[in-house]
Amino acid sequence: MQPVHYDELADLDLDYWWFRVRFNYASRLVLGAVAEPDLVVDLGCGTGGFLHHLTRFSGLSSAQVLGIEPDQRAASIASKRGLPVRQIAPEDITPAQIPRPADVVSLLDVLEHIEDAPAALRQFRTLVRPGGYIVILVPALMALWSEWDVRLGHKRRYSRATLKAHLIEGGWEPIQLRYLFSAMTLPGLVRAKLINSNSLSATEFPRVPRFLNNLLTQVFEAETRFPGLPFGTSVAALARNG
């Protein structure tokens, strides 16, 4: 990714509504699977937003989390936030490069960047103790594909069925899969068409006033508390290392 992407992440990933909702949901998956994890490894941790969320809001200590990030700029930002980060590409990581087997590994908007996702998922199993878990968030629906995906280096957008198939092929036992941000699907379709027609800038995270940021957080946080609809702009998954 381009350096400007990580600058934007660092500017937004601690408070922007989209990140807050995703991090809240992912942390509930992590702690719902393992109430007191000994180690959570966030693969492709970016600037460390999810690790920051886990240590600030979910009661974990910095000794219970580890970030893996290939980009030097992003890893440096995460490290300056006081988070333990190692600069390694997620698909190159081996068990010897983490201090102990993880209870949970997380991949938040990472899998869509990897060409052979099932092979990577098989590799990630070696990092997790038997019976441990993986938490995944990926962009959803190829109908939403736009120049934004191209700029970010995405290989695909996922359906719930495709993510389930990749998990099974990678040796994981899917437990839960659902769409998130269902109400954003129609605006997402319009946005994708405008971006593809060069009628709209491919800005990743449009800035919003604080009151709207808080309102969007509350609305989509509430959505995650109800059964998911059969569409959305992200897919979330929890799976077990069988």
C-alpha atoms as a PDB file:
ATOM      1  CA  MET A   1       0.000   0.000   0.000  1.00  0.00           C
ATOM      2  CA  GLN A   2       1.035   3.606  -0.468  1.00  0.00           C
ATOM      3  CA  PRO A   3       2.441   5.482   2.589  1.00  0.00           C
ATOM      4  CA  VAL A   4      -0.463   7.949   2.467  1.00  0.00           C
ATOM      5  CA  HIS A   5      -2.811   5.055   3.290  1.00  0.00           C
ATOM      6  CA  TYR A   6      -1.036   4.418   6.583  1.00  0.00           C
ATOM      7  CA  ASP A   7      -1.000   8.111   7.419  1.00  0.00           C
ATOM      8  CA  GLU A   8      -4.770   8.106   6.934  1.00  0.00           C
ATOM      9  CA  LEU A   9      -5.113   4.997   9.123  1.00  0.00           C
ATOM     10  CA  ALA A  10      -3.088   6.582  11.898  1.00  0.00           C
ATOM     11  CA  ASP A  11      -5.265   9.674  11.713  1.00  0.00           C
ATOM     12  CA  LEU A  12      -8.561   7.784  11.925  1.00  0.00           C
ATOM     13  CA  ASP A  13      -8.270   4.257  13.320  1.00  0.00           C
ATOM     14  CA  LEU A  14      -8.725   5.198  16.973  1.00  0.00           C
ATOM     15  CA  ASP A  15     -12.008   7.075  16.636  1.00  0.00           C
ATOM     16  CA  TYR A  16     -13.576   6.884  13.148  1.00  0.00           C
ATOM     17  CA  TRP A  17     -17.009   5.192  13.264  1.00  0.00           C
ATOM     18  CA  TRP A  18     -16.171   2.437  10.769  1.00  0.00           C
ATOM     19  CA  PHE A  19     -13.130   1.346  12.752  1.00  0.00           C
ATOM     20  CA  ARG A  20     -14.891   1.601  16.101  1.00  0.00           C
ATOM     21  CA  VAL A  21     -17.740  -0.668  15.012  1.00  0.00           C
ATOM     22  CA  ARG A  22     -15.398  -3.240  13.453  1.00  0.00           C
ATOM     23  CA  PHE A  23     -13.004  -3.285  16.388  1.00  0.00           C
ATOM     24  CA  ASN A  24     -15.870  -3.619  18.864  1.00  0.00           C
ATOM     25  CA  TYR A  25     -17.299  -6.549  16.934  1.00  0.00           C
ATOM     26  CA  ALA A  26     -13.950  -8.271  16.384  1.00  0.00           C
ATOM     27  CA  SER A  27     -13.017  -7.922  20.049  1.00  0.00           C
ATOM     28  CA  ARG A  28     -16.337  -9.503  21.044  1.00  0.00           C
ATOM     29  CA  LEU A  29     -15.524 -12.436  18.763  1.00  0.00           C
ATOM     30  CA  VAL A  30     -12.058 -12.772  20.303  1.00  0.00           C
ATOM     31  CA  LEU A  31     -13.205 -12.606  23.927  1.00  0.00           C
ATOM     32  CA  GLY A  32     -16.323 -14.652  23.253  1.00  0.00           C
ATOM     33  CA  ALA A  33     -14.104 -17.445  21.947  1.00  0.00           C
ATOM     34  CA  VAL A  34     -11.419 -17.181  24.659  1.00  0.00           C
ATOM     35  CA  ALA A  35     -12.373 -15.193  27.740  1.00  0.00           C
ATOM     36  CA  GLU A  36      -8.786 -14.742  28.956  1.00  0.00           C
ATOM     37  CA  PRO A  37      -6.448 -15.247  25.974  1.00  0.00           C
ATOM     38  CA  ASP A  38      -2.785 -15.750  26.680  1.00  0.00           C
ATOM     39  CA  LEU A  39      -1.847 -14.384  23.258  1.00  0.00           C
ATOM     40  CA  VAL A  40      -3.757 -12.685  20.434  1.00  0.00           C
ATOM     41  CA  VAL A  41      -1.736 -12.195  17.243  1.00  0.00           C
ATOM     42  CA  ASP A  42      -3.067  -9.571  14.839  1.00  0.00           C
ATOM     43  CA  LEU A  43      -1.715 -10.415  11.388  1.00  0.00           C
ATOM     44  CA  GLY A  44      -1.348  -7.376   9.147  1.00  0.00           C
ATOM     45  CA  CYS A  45      -1.975  -5.076  12.091  1.00  0.00           C
ATOM     46  CA  GLY A  46      -1.407  -1.865  10.123  1.00  0.00           C
ATOM     47  CA  THR A  47      -0.870   1.064  12.464  1.00  0.00           C
ATOM     48  CA  GLY A  48      -2.087  -0.962  15.449  1.00  0.00           C
ATOM     49  CA  GLY A  49      -5.683   0.241  15.791  1.00  0.00           C
ATOM     50  CA  PHE A  50      -7.124  -3.138  16.765  1.00  0.00           C
ATOM     51  CA  LEU A  51      -4.302  -3.878  19.205  1.00  0.00           C
ATOM     52  CA  HIS A  52      -4.868  -0.463  20.761  1.00  0.00           C
ATOM     53  CA  HIS A  53      -8.578  -1.280  21.073  1.00  0.00           C
ATOM     54  CA  LEU A  54      -7.854  -4.634  22.735  1.00  0.00           C
ATOM     55  CA  THR A  55      -5.475  -3.123  25.274  1.00  0.00           C
ATOM     56  CA  ARG A  56      -7.459   0.049  25.974  1.00  0.00           C
ATOM     57  CA  PHE A  57     -11.067  -1.183  25.941  1.00  0.00           C
ATOM     58  CA  SER A  58     -11.031  -4.994  26.221  1.00  0.00           C
ATOM     59  CA  GLY A  59      -8.858  -5.432  29.288  1.00  0.00           C
ATOM     60  CA  LEU A  60      -5.874  -7.133  27.658  1.00  0.00           C
ATOM     61  CA  SER A  61      -2.314  -6.163  28.490  1.00  0.00           C
ATOM     62  CA  SER A  62       0.442  -5.489  25.971  1.00  0.00           C
ATOM     63  CA  ALA A  63       1.933  -8.864  26.979  1.00  0.00           C
ATOM     64  CA  GLN A  64      -1.210 -10.596  25.674  1.00  0.00           C
ATOM     65  CA  VAL A  65      -1.116  -9.117  22.168  1.00  0.00           C
ATOM     66  CA  LEU A  66       1.323  -9.053  19.267  1.00  0.00           C
ATOM     67  CA  GLY A  67       1.090  -7.305  15.913  1.00  0.00           C
ATOM     68  CA  ILE A  68       2.603  -8.599  12.700  1.00  0.00           C
ATOM     69  CA  GLU A  69       2.971  -5.990   9.958  1.00  0.00           C
ATOM     70  CA  PRO A  70       5.078  -6.026   6.758  1.00  0.00           C
ATOM     71  CA  ASP A  71       5.161  -2.263   6.162  1.00  0.00           C
ATOM     72  CA  GLN A  72       7.925  -0.420   8.005  1.00  0.00           C
ATOM     73  CA  ARG A  73       5.992   2.850   8.160  1.00  0.00           C
ATOM     74  CA  ALA A  74       2.880   1.238   9.639  1.00  0.00           C
ATOM     75  CA  ALA A  75       4.897  -0.900  12.084  1.00  0.00           C
ATOM     76  CA  SER A  76       6.762   2.199  13.253  1.00  0.00           C
ATOM     77  CA  ILE A  77       3.491   4.042  13.960  1.00  0.00           C
ATOM     78  CA  ALA A  78       2.159   1.063  15.930  1.00  0.00           C
ATOM     79  CA  SER A  79       5.396   0.795  17.891  1.00  0.00           C
ATOM     80  CA  LYS A  80       5.277   4.501  18.773  1.00  0.00           C
ATOM     81  CA  ARG A  81       1.834   3.838  20.228  1.00  0.00           C
ATOM     82  CA  GLY A  82       3.503   1.468  22.700  1.00  0.00           C
ATOM     83  CA  LEU A  83       2.280  -1.704  20.988  1.00  0.00           C
ATOM     84  CA  PRO A  84       4.394  -4.844  20.470  1.00  0.00           C
ATOM     85  CA  VAL A  85       4.870  -5.217  16.723  1.00  0.00           C
ATOM     86  CA  ARG A  86       7.171  -7.283  14.534  1.00  0.00           C
ATOM     87  CA  GLN A  87       7.837  -6.347  10.916  1.00  0.00           C
ATOM     88  CA  ILE A  88       7.046  -9.552   9.005  1.00  0.00           C
ATOM     89  CA  ALA A  89       4.735 -10.295   6.092  1.00  0.00           C
ATOM     90  CA  PRO A  90       1.778 -12.324   7.471  1.00  0.00           C
ATOM     91  CA  GLU A  91       2.106 -14.997   4.777  1.00  0.00           C
ATOM     92  CA  ASP A  92       5.812 -15.453   5.666  1.00  0.00           C
ATOM     93  CA  ILE A  93       5.385 -15.890   9.405  1.00  0.00           C
ATOM     94  CA  THR A  94       6.388 -19.114  11.162  1.00  0.00           C
ATOM     95  CA  PRO A  95       5.686 -20.383  14.692  1.00  0.00           C
ATOM     96  CA  ALA A  96       9.290 -19.603  15.661  1.00  0.00           C
ATOM     97  CA  GLN A  97       8.605 -15.895  15.102  1.00  0.00           C
ATOM     98  CA  ILE A  98       5.971 -15.594  17.811  1.00  0.00           C
ATOM     99  CA  PRO A  99       6.685 -16.147  21.527  1.00  0.00           C
ATOM    100  CA  ARG A 100       4.160 -18.973  22.039  1.00  0.00           C
ATOM    101  CA  PRO A 101       1.168 -20.537  20.262  1.00  0.00           C
ATOM    102  CA  ALA A 102      -1.655 -18.053  19.958  1.00  0.00           C
ATOM    103  CA  ASP A 103      -5.136 -18.549  21.361  1.00  0.00           C
ATOM    104  CA  VAL A 104      -6.481 -16.337  18.580  1.00  0.00           C
ATOM    105  CA  VAL A 105      -5.115 -14.860  15.382  1.00  0.00           C
ATOM    106  CA  SER A 106      -6.959 -11.993  13.734  1.00  0.00           C
ATOM    107  CA  LEU A 107      -6.900 -10.727  10.158  1.00  0.00           C
ATOM    108  CA  LEU A 108      -8.808  -7.493   9.746  1.00  0.00           C
ATOM    109  CA  ASP A 109      -8.917  -6.539   6.061  1.00  0.00           C
ATOM    110  CA  VAL A 110      -5.869  -8.655   5.243  1.00  0.00           C
ATOM    111  CA  LEU A 111      -7.017 -11.847   3.526  1.00  0.00           C
ATOM    112  CA  GLU A 112      -8.291 -10.008   0.455  1.00  0.00           C
ATOM    113  CA  HIS A 113      -4.695  -8.882  -0.250  1.00  0.00           C
ATOM    114  CA  ILE A 114      -3.328 -12.448  -0.412  1.00  0.00           C
ATOM    115  CA  GLU A 115      -3.349 -14.230  -3.769  1.00  0.00           C
ATOM    116  CA  ASP A 116      -3.689 -17.787  -2.432  1.00  0.00           C
ATOM    117  CA  ALA A 117      -5.935 -17.255   0.583  1.00  0.00           C
ATOM    118  CA  PRO A 118      -6.560 -20.965   1.419  1.00  0.00           C
ATOM    119  CA  ALA A 119      -2.805 -21.668   1.451  1.00  0.00           C
ATOM    120  CA  ALA A 120      -2.237 -18.695   3.767  1.00  0.00           C
ATOM    121  CA  LEU A 121      -5.024 -19.869   6.055  1.00  0.00           C
ATOM    122  CA  ARG A 122      -3.353 -23.293   6.277  1.00  0.00           C
ATOM    123  CA  GLN A 123      -0.090 -21.572   7.223  1.00  0.00           C
ATOM    124  CA  PHE A 124      -1.817 -19.498   9.898  1.00  0.00           C
ATOM    125  CA  ARG A 125      -3.053 -22.689  11.581  1.00  0.00           C
ATOM    126  CA  THR A 126       0.544 -23.420  12.608  1.00  0.00           C
ATOM    127  CA  LEU A 127       0.521 -20.273  14.754  1.00  0.00           C
ATOM    128  CA  VAL A 128      -2.537 -21.272  16.764  1.00  0.00           C
ATOM    129  CA  ARG A 129      -2.839 -23.839  19.520  1.00  0.00           C
ATOM    130  CA  PRO A 130      -5.122 -26.826  18.836  1.00  0.00           C
ATOM    131  CA  GLY A 131      -8.672 -25.649  19.448  1.00  0.00           C
ATOM    132  CA  GLY A 132      -7.636 -22.012  19.029  1.00  0.00           C
ATOM    133  CA  TYR A 133      -9.431 -19.522  16.811  1.00  0.00           C
ATOM    134  CA  ILE A 134      -9.163 -17.152  13.891  1.00  0.00           C
ATOM    135  CA  VAL A 135     -11.155 -13.910  13.546  1.00  0.00           C
ATOM    136  CA  ILE A 136     -11.468 -12.418  10.063  1.00  0.00           C
ATOM    137  CA  LEU A 137     -12.966  -9.286   8.552  1.00  0.00           C
ATOM    138  CA  VAL A 138     -12.916  -8.785   4.770  1.00  0.00           C
ATOM    139  CA  PRO A 139     -14.613  -6.447   2.285  1.00  0.00           C
ATOM    140  CA  ALA A 140     -17.801  -7.939   0.882  1.00  0.00           C
ATOM    141  CA  LEU A 141     -19.517  -8.357  -2.470  1.00  0.00           C
ATOM    142  CA  MET A 142     -17.791  -8.138  -5.849  1.00  0.00           C
ATOM    143  CA  ALA A 143     -20.661  -5.883  -6.935  1.00  0.00           C
ATOM    144  CA  LEU A 144     -18.993  -3.213  -4.783  1.00  0.00           C
ATOM    145  CA  TRP A 145     -15.632  -3.561  -6.549  1.00  0.00           C
ATOM    146  CA  SER A 146     -14.156  -0.190  -7.535  1.00  0.00           C
ATOM    147  CA  GLU A 147     -10.926   1.668  -8.231  1.00  0.00           C
ATOM    148  CA  TRP A 148     -10.640   1.911  -4.435  1.00  0.00           C
ATOM    149  CA  ASP A 149     -10.059  -1.875  -4.294  1.00  0.00           C
ATOM    150  CA  VAL A 150      -7.464  -1.649  -7.062  1.00  0.00           C
ATOM    151  CA  ARG A 151      -5.523   1.100  -5.280  1.00  0.00           C
ATOM    152  CA  LEU A 152      -5.483  -0.913  -2.064  1.00  0.00           C
ATOM    153  CA  GLY A 153      -4.201  -4.030  -3.801  1.00  0.00           C
ATOM    154  CA  HIS A 154      -7.251  -6.198  -3.223  1.00  0.00           C
ATOM    155  CA  LYS A 155      -7.391  -9.527  -5.049  1.00  0.00           C
ATOM    156  CA  ARG A 156     -11.101 -10.025  -4.406  1.00  0.00           C
ATOM    157  CA  ARG A 157     -14.116  -9.007  -2.341  1.00  0.00           C
ATOM    158  CA  TYR A 158     -15.836 -11.825  -0.476  1.00  0.00           C
ATOM    159  CA  SER A 159     -19.260 -13.304  -0.154  1.00  0.00           C
ATOM    160  CA  ARG A 160     -20.090 -15.187   3.005  1.00  0.00           C
ATOM    161  CA  ALA A 161     -20.018 -18.436   0.988  1.00  0.00           C
ATOM    162  CA  THR A 162     -16.601 -17.695  -0.521  1.00  0.00           C
ATOM    163  CA  LEU A 163     -15.048 -16.910   2.852  1.00  0.00           C
ATOM    164  CA  LYS A 164     -16.537 -20.082   4.339  1.00  0.00           C
ATOM    165  CA  ALA A 165     -15.118 -22.127   1.459  1.00  0.00           C
ATOM    166  CA  HIS A 166     -11.654 -20.602   1.889  1.00  0.00           C
ATOM    167  CA  LEU A 167     -11.726 -21.324   5.618  1.00  0.00           C
ATOM    168  CA  ILE A 168     -12.694 -24.953   5.093  1.00  0.00           C
ATOM    169  CA  GLU A 169     -10.070 -25.401   2.354  1.00  0.00           C
ATOM    170  CA  GLY A 170      -7.527 -23.901   4.739  1.00  0.00           C
ATOM    171  CA  GLY A 171      -8.390 -26.462   7.419  1.00  0.00           C
ATOM    172  CA  TRP A 172     -10.474 -24.273   9.720  1.00  0.00           C
ATOM    173  CA  GLU A 173     -13.886 -25.123  11.172  1.00  0.00           C
ATOM    174  CA  PRO A 174     -16.231 -22.157  10.551  1.00  0.00           C
ATOM    175  CA  ILE A 175     -18.321 -21.258  13.584  1.00  0.00           C
ATOM    176  CA  GLN A 176     -19.860 -17.935  12.669  1.00  0.00           C
ATOM    177  CA  LEU A 177     -20.064 -15.871   9.480  1.00  0.00           C
ATOM    178  CA  ARG A 178     -22.111 -12.743   8.944  1.00  0.00           C
ATOM    179  CA  TYR A 179     -22.306  -9.541   6.971  1.00  0.00           C
ATOM    180  CA  LEU A 180     -21.715  -6.171   8.622  1.00  0.00           C
ATOM    181  CA  PHE A 181     -22.773  -2.649   7.565  1.00  0.00           C
ATOM    182  CA  SER A 182     -25.816  -3.918   5.699  1.00  0.00           C
ATOM    183  CA  ALA A 183     -27.342  -0.443   5.506  1.00  0.00           C
ATOM    184  CA  MET A 184     -24.241   0.754   3.655  1.00  0.00           C
ATOM    185  CA  THR A 185     -24.711  -1.701   0.776  1.00  0.00           C
ATOM    186  CA  LEU A 186     -26.856   0.525  -1.445  1.00  0.00           C
ATOM    187  CA  PRO A 187     -24.734   3.653  -0.810  1.00  0.00           C
ATOM    188  CA  GLY A 188     -21.710   1.436  -1.453  1.00  0.00           C
ATOM    189  CA  LEU A 189     -23.081   0.386  -4.849  1.00  0.00           C
ATOM    190  CA  VAL A 190     -23.682   4.018  -5.799  1.00  0.00           C
ATOM    191  CA  ARG A 191     -20.225   5.013  -4.550  1.00  0.00           C
ATOM    192  CA  ALA A 192     -18.534   2.200  -6.491  1.00  0.00           C
ATOM    193  CA  LYS A 193     -20.258   3.260  -9.733  1.00  0.00           C
ATOM    194  CA  LEU A 194     -19.319   6.917  -9.186  1.00  0.00           C
ATOM    195  CA  ILE A 195     -15.707   6.024  -8.432  1.00  0.00           C
ATOM    196  CA  ASN A 196     -15.494   3.755 -11.468  1.00  0.00           C
ATOM    197  CA  SER A 197     -16.929   6.511 -13.664  1.00  0.00           C
ATOM    198  CA  ASN A 198     -14.419   9.027 -12.248  1.00  0.00           C
ATOM    199  CA  SER A 199     -17.325  11.083 -10.890  1.00  0.00           C
ATOM    200  CA  LEU A 200     -16.130  10.665  -7.300  1.00  0.00           C
ATOM    201  CA  SER A 201     -12.701  10.631  -5.722  1.00  0.00           C
ATOM    202  CA  ALA A 202     -11.595   7.229  -4.398  1.00  0.00           C
ATOM    203  CA  THR A 203     -11.094   8.653  -0.910  1.00  0.00           C
ATOM    204  CA  GLU A 204     -11.187   5.703   1.422  1.00  0.00           C
ATOM    205  CA  PHE A 205     -12.710   7.302   4.529  1.00  0.00           C
ATOM    206  CA  PRO A 206     -14.796  10.431   3.911  1.00  0.00           C
ATOM    207  CA  ARG A 207     -14.548  12.760   6.900  1.00  0.00           C
ATOM    208  CA  VAL A 208     -17.753  13.398   8.843  1.00  0.00           C
ATOM    209  CA  PRO A 209     -18.654  15.815  11.675  1.00  0.00           C
ATOM    210  CA  ARG A 210     -18.217  14.443  15.191  1.00  0.00           C
ATOM    211  CA  PHE A 211     -21.955  14.253  15.886  1.00  0.00           C
ATOM    212  CA  LEU A 212     -22.448  12.184  12.729  1.00  0.00           C
ATOM    213  CA  ASN A 213     -19.431  10.044  13.566  1.00  0.00           C
ATOM    214  CA  ASN A 214     -20.977   9.240  16.936  1.00  0.00           C
ATOM    215  CA  LEU A 215     -24.415   8.616  15.414  1.00  0.00           C
ATOM    216  CA  LEU A 216     -23.023   6.221  12.797  1.00  0.00           C
ATOM    217  CA  THR A 217     -21.115   4.396  15.509  1.00  0.00           C
ATOM    218  CA  GLN A 218     -24.290   3.910  17.548  1.00  0.00           C
ATOM    219  CA  VAL A 219     -26.407   2.850  14.553  1.00  0.00           C
ATOM    220  CA  PHE A 220     -23.997   0.249  13.223  1.00  0.00           C
ATOM    221  CA  GLU A 221     -23.001  -0.939  16.679  1.00  0.00           C
ATOM    222  CA  ALA A 222     -26.701  -1.667  17.246  1.00  0.00           C
ATOM    223  CA  GLU A 223     -26.852  -3.505  13.910  1.00  0.00           C
ATOM    224  CA  THR A 224     -24.131  -5.917  15.067  1.00  0.00           C
ATOM    225  CA  ARG A 225     -26.283  -6.906  18.041  1.00  0.00           C
ATOM    226  CA  PHE A 226     -29.015  -8.327  15.800  1.00  0.00           C
ATOM    227  CA  PRO A 227     -28.974 -11.260  13.359  1.00  0.00           C
ATOM    228  CA  GLY A 228     -27.197 -10.287  10.158  1.00  0.00           C
ATOM    229  CA  LEU A 229     -28.885  -9.679   6.820  1.00  0.00           C
ATOM    230  CA  PRO A 230     -27.791 -11.615   3.689  1.00  0.00           C
ATOM    231  CA  PHE A 231     -25.737  -8.666   2.408  1.00  0.00           C
ATOM    232  CA  GLY A 232     -23.376  -5.983   3.677  1.00  0.00           C
ATOM    233  CA  THR A 233     -20.113  -4.231   2.877  1.00  0.00           C
ATOM    234  CA  SER A 234     -17.964  -6.458   5.123  1.00  0.00           C
ATOM    235  CA  VAL A 235     -17.969 -10.141   6.082  1.00  0.00           C
ATOM    236  CA  ALA A 236     -16.923 -11.252   9.565  1.00  0.00           C
ATOM    237  CA  ALA A 237     -15.950 -14.787  10.509  1.00  0.00           C
ATOM    238  CA  LEU A 238     -14.941 -16.819  13.527  1.00  0.00           C
ATOM    239  CA  ALA A 239     -13.429 -20.267  12.962  1.00  0.00           C
ATOM    240  CA  ARG A 240     -11.700 -22.939  15.072  1.00  0.00           C
ATOM    241  CA  ASN A 241      -8.408 -24.666  14.507  1.00  0.00           C
ATOM    242  CA  GLY A 242      -9.770 -28.216  14.514  1.00  0.00           C
END
